[in-house]
Protein backbone atom coordinates (compact mmCIF):
# COMPACT_ATOMS: atom_id res chain seq x y z
CA UNK A 1 0.00 0.00 0.00
CA UNK A 2 1.47 3.36 -1.05
CA UNK A 3 1.81 6.41 1.16
CA UNK A 4 -0.81 8.27 -0.90
CA UNK A 5 -3.26 5.40 -0.48
CA UNK A 6 -2.77 5.36 3.31
CA UNK A 7 -3.37 9.11 3.43
CA UNK A 8 -6.54 8.77 1.36
CA UNK A 9 -7.94 5.97 3.52
CA UNK A 10 -7.14 7.98 6.66
CA UNK A 11 -8.92 11.02 5.18
CA UNK A 12 -11.98 8.95 4.29
CA UNK A 13 -12.12 7.52 7.81
CA UNK A 14 -11.82 10.96 9.42
CA UNK A 15 -14.64 12.37 7.30
CA UNK A 16 -16.91 9.37 7.82
CA UNK A 17 -16.89 7.99 4.28
CA UNK A 18 -17.12 4.30 3.42
CA UNK A 19 -15.19 2.96 0.40
CA UNK A 20 -17.58 1.61 -2.23
CA UNK A 21 -15.12 0.82 -5.01
CA UNK A 22 -11.34 0.82 -5.53
CA UNK A 23 -9.75 0.86 -8.98
CA UNK A 24 -6.21 1.22 -10.25
CA UNK A 25 -5.32 2.74 -13.62
CA UNK A 26 -1.63 3.30 -14.30
CA UNK A 27 -0.34 5.90 -11.86
CA UNK A 28 -3.78 6.64 -10.38
CA UNK A 29 -5.52 4.73 -7.59
CA UNK A 30 -9.18 5.72 -7.43
CA UNK A 31 -11.65 5.39 -4.55
CA UNK A 32 -15.37 5.91 -4.86
CA UNK A 33 -16.68 6.57 -1.37
CA UNK A 34 -20.11 7.30 0.05
CA UNK A 35 -21.41 8.97 3.17
CA UNK A 36 -24.91 8.72 4.53
CA UNK A 37 -26.82 11.92 3.80
CA UNK A 38 -23.89 13.66 2.07
CA UNK A 39 -23.53 11.88 -1.25
CA UNK A 40 -20.45 10.42 -2.86
CA UNK A 41 -16.83 11.49 -3.29
CA UNK A 42 -14.20 10.47 -5.81
CA UNK A 43 -10.69 10.33 -4.36
CA UNK A 44 -7.62 9.97 -6.56
CA UNK A 45 -4.21 8.95 -5.23
CA UNK A 46 -1.68 10.05 -7.82
CA UNK A 47 1.74 8.40 -7.85
CA UNK A 48 3.25 10.70 -10.50
CA UNK A 49 6.19 13.06 -9.87
CA UNK A 50 4.31 16.32 -10.58
CA UNK A 51 0.55 16.78 -10.56
CA UNK A 52 -0.57 19.06 -13.38
CA UNK A 53 -3.72 20.34 -15.06
CA UNK A 54 -4.25 17.09 -16.98
CA UNK A 55 -5.05 15.22 -13.76
CA UNK A 56 -7.54 17.92 -12.72
CA UNK A 57 -9.31 17.66 -16.08
CA UNK A 58 -9.37 13.85 -15.95
CA UNK A 59 -10.79 13.87 -12.41
CA UNK A 60 -13.45 16.40 -13.41
CA UNK A 61 -14.53 14.20 -16.34
CA UNK A 62 -14.60 11.12 -14.08
CA UNK A 63 -16.69 13.04 -11.54
CA UNK A 64 -19.21 14.04 -14.22
CA UNK A 65 -19.47 10.52 -15.61
CA UNK A 66 -19.95 9.04 -12.10
CA UNK A 67 -22.39 11.73 -10.98
CA UNK A 68 -20.16 12.66 -8.03
CA UNK A 69 -20.00 16.18 -6.57
CA UNK A 70 -16.88 15.97 -4.37
CA UNK A 71 -13.45 15.39 -5.89
CA UNK A 72 -10.26 14.98 -3.87
CA UNK A 73 -6.67 14.47 -5.03
CA UNK A 74 -4.07 13.01 -2.66
CA UNK A 75 -0.41 13.13 -3.67
CA UNK A 76 3.00 13.20 -2.00
CA UNK A 77 4.47 15.27 -4.81
CA UNK A 78 4.01 18.96 -5.66
CA UNK A 79 1.03 20.41 -7.54
CA UNK A 80 1.68 22.89 -10.34
CA UNK A 81 0.39 26.44 -9.91
CA UNK A 82 -2.00 26.01 -12.84
CA UNK A 83 -3.34 22.78 -11.31
CA UNK A 84 -4.00 24.53 -7.98
CA UNK A 85 -5.82 27.37 -9.73
CA UNK A 86 -7.93 25.03 -11.87
CA UNK A 87 -8.76 22.80 -8.89
CA UNK A 88 -9.96 25.86 -6.96
CA UNK A 89 -12.18 26.85 -9.91
CA UNK A 90 -13.73 23.37 -10.19
CA UNK A 91 -13.95 22.92 -6.39
CA UNK A 92 -11.62 19.92 -6.38
CA UNK A 93 -9.80 19.53 -3.08
CA UNK A 94 -6.02 19.08 -3.20
CA UNK A 95 -4.68 17.39 -0.07
CA UNK A 96 -1.30 18.83 0.94
CA UNK A 97 1.87 16.75 1.00
CA UNK A 98 2.20 17.17 4.77
CA UNK A 99 -1.15 15.50 5.52
CA UNK A 100 -0.52 12.74 8.10
CA UNK A 101 -0.98 9.04 7.39
CA UNK A 102 -2.38 8.43 10.88
CA UNK A 103 -5.48 9.58 12.77
CA UNK A 104 -4.47 12.84 14.45
CA UNK A 105 -7.55 12.84 16.68
CA UNK A 106 -6.39 9.71 18.54
CA UNK A 107 -3.70 11.72 20.31
CA UNK A 108 -4.76 12.70 23.84
CA UNK A 109 -3.81 16.35 23.33
CA UNK A 110 -5.87 16.85 20.16
CA UNK A 111 -9.49 17.70 21.03
CA UNK A 112 -12.56 16.68 19.05
CA UNK A 113 -13.29 18.98 16.09
CA UNK A 114 -16.48 19.05 14.03
CA UNK A 115 -18.01 21.36 11.43
CA UNK A 116 -21.22 22.99 12.60
CA UNK A 117 -24.27 22.52 10.35
CA UNK A 118 -25.74 25.79 8.97
CA UNK A 119 -28.71 25.69 11.34
CA UNK A 120 -26.50 25.35 14.44
CA UNK A 121 -24.23 28.06 13.06
CA UNK A 122 -27.14 30.52 12.92
CA UNK A 123 -28.25 29.62 16.46
CA UNK A 124 -24.70 30.04 17.79
CA UNK A 125 -24.22 33.47 16.21
CA UNK A 126 -27.66 34.60 17.40
CA UNK A 127 -27.15 33.37 21.00
CA UNK A 128 -23.73 35.00 21.39
CA UNK A 129 -24.76 38.09 19.37
CA UNK A 130 -21.61 38.04 17.27
CA UNK A 131 -20.67 37.97 13.61
CA UNK A 132 -18.54 35.13 12.21
CA UNK A 133 -15.44 37.31 11.88
CA UNK A 134 -15.55 38.07 15.63
CA UNK A 135 -14.83 34.44 16.53
CA UNK A 136 -11.27 33.09 16.85
CA UNK A 137 -10.06 31.98 13.43
CA UNK A 138 -8.47 28.90 11.93
CA UNK A 139 -7.01 28.71 8.42
CA UNK A 140 -8.58 26.33 5.91
CA UNK A 141 -5.07 24.99 5.24
CA UNK A 142 -4.68 23.85 8.87
CA UNK A 143 -4.30 20.06 8.97
CA UNK A 144 -7.29 19.67 11.33
CA UNK A 145 -9.50 21.77 9.02
CA UNK A 146 -8.38 19.71 6.01
CA UNK A 147 -8.97 16.45 7.90
CA UNK A 148 -12.60 17.25 8.77
CA UNK A 149 -13.32 18.93 5.41
CA UNK A 150 -13.90 22.48 6.68
CA UNK A 151 -14.26 25.16 4.01
CA UNK A 152 -13.81 28.95 4.40
CA UNK A 153 -16.94 30.36 6.01
CA UNK A 154 -17.61 27.28 8.17
CA UNK A 155 -17.50 27.27 11.95
CA UNK A 156 -15.66 24.46 13.74
CA UNK A 157 -16.78 23.31 17.17
CA UNK A 158 -13.83 22.25 19.36
CA UNK A 159 -14.72 20.11 22.40
CA UNK A 160 -12.02 19.58 25.04
CA UNK A 161 -12.02 17.56 28.24
CA UNK A 162 -10.59 19.58 31.11
CA UNK A 163 -9.77 18.26 34.61
CA UNK A 164 -11.02 21.49 36.20
CA UNK A 165 -13.77 22.73 33.89
CA UNK A 166 -15.09 19.35 32.74
CA UNK A 167 -16.21 19.71 29.14
CA UNK A 168 -15.08 22.92 27.41
CA UNK A 169 -16.48 23.99 24.03
CA UNK A 170 -14.95 26.67 21.82
CA UNK A 171 -15.60 27.72 18.25
CA UNK A 172 -13.33 28.66 15.35
CA UNK A 173 -14.24 30.50 12.16
CA UNK A 174 -12.56 29.02 9.05
CA UNK A 175 -10.80 31.62 6.88
CA UNK A 176 -9.00 31.13 3.55
CA UNK A 177 -5.35 30.32 3.86
């Protein structure tokens, strides 16, 4: 099993996806994964030296033919600037090279993180009488934000266990970065 494949399987587990199908075509290992109530995702593990625009176009075509909305590319090699720009335009997620191959939430010092649904987000902002930008911020490129699939504009709920306070909940606003 390649490093890219381990990263992809870890990502799927963290986001709650179940692998439906696994295929291998040349330098691309493809996973079709589903999540209850969220739809399907197509994850590509690319073993090539440099990931360019051609892979973005091929993934987009595969997504259209499969009827999948979410596309993710996992690679341990660099992405070209044009590939990053095109992926952003087509809303294809590029997983960074430094994404861990293990479950970061199993460590005792890493608290539970979850993306708030839109309804809970509205209630939170109304109860605290704040705007999103007034909350503490976390970059969308942060490994935890990438792991749980947080996009700019989302609010992340962080739940910590504290020996003195018991259960402590804080919120982070996801900003581009």
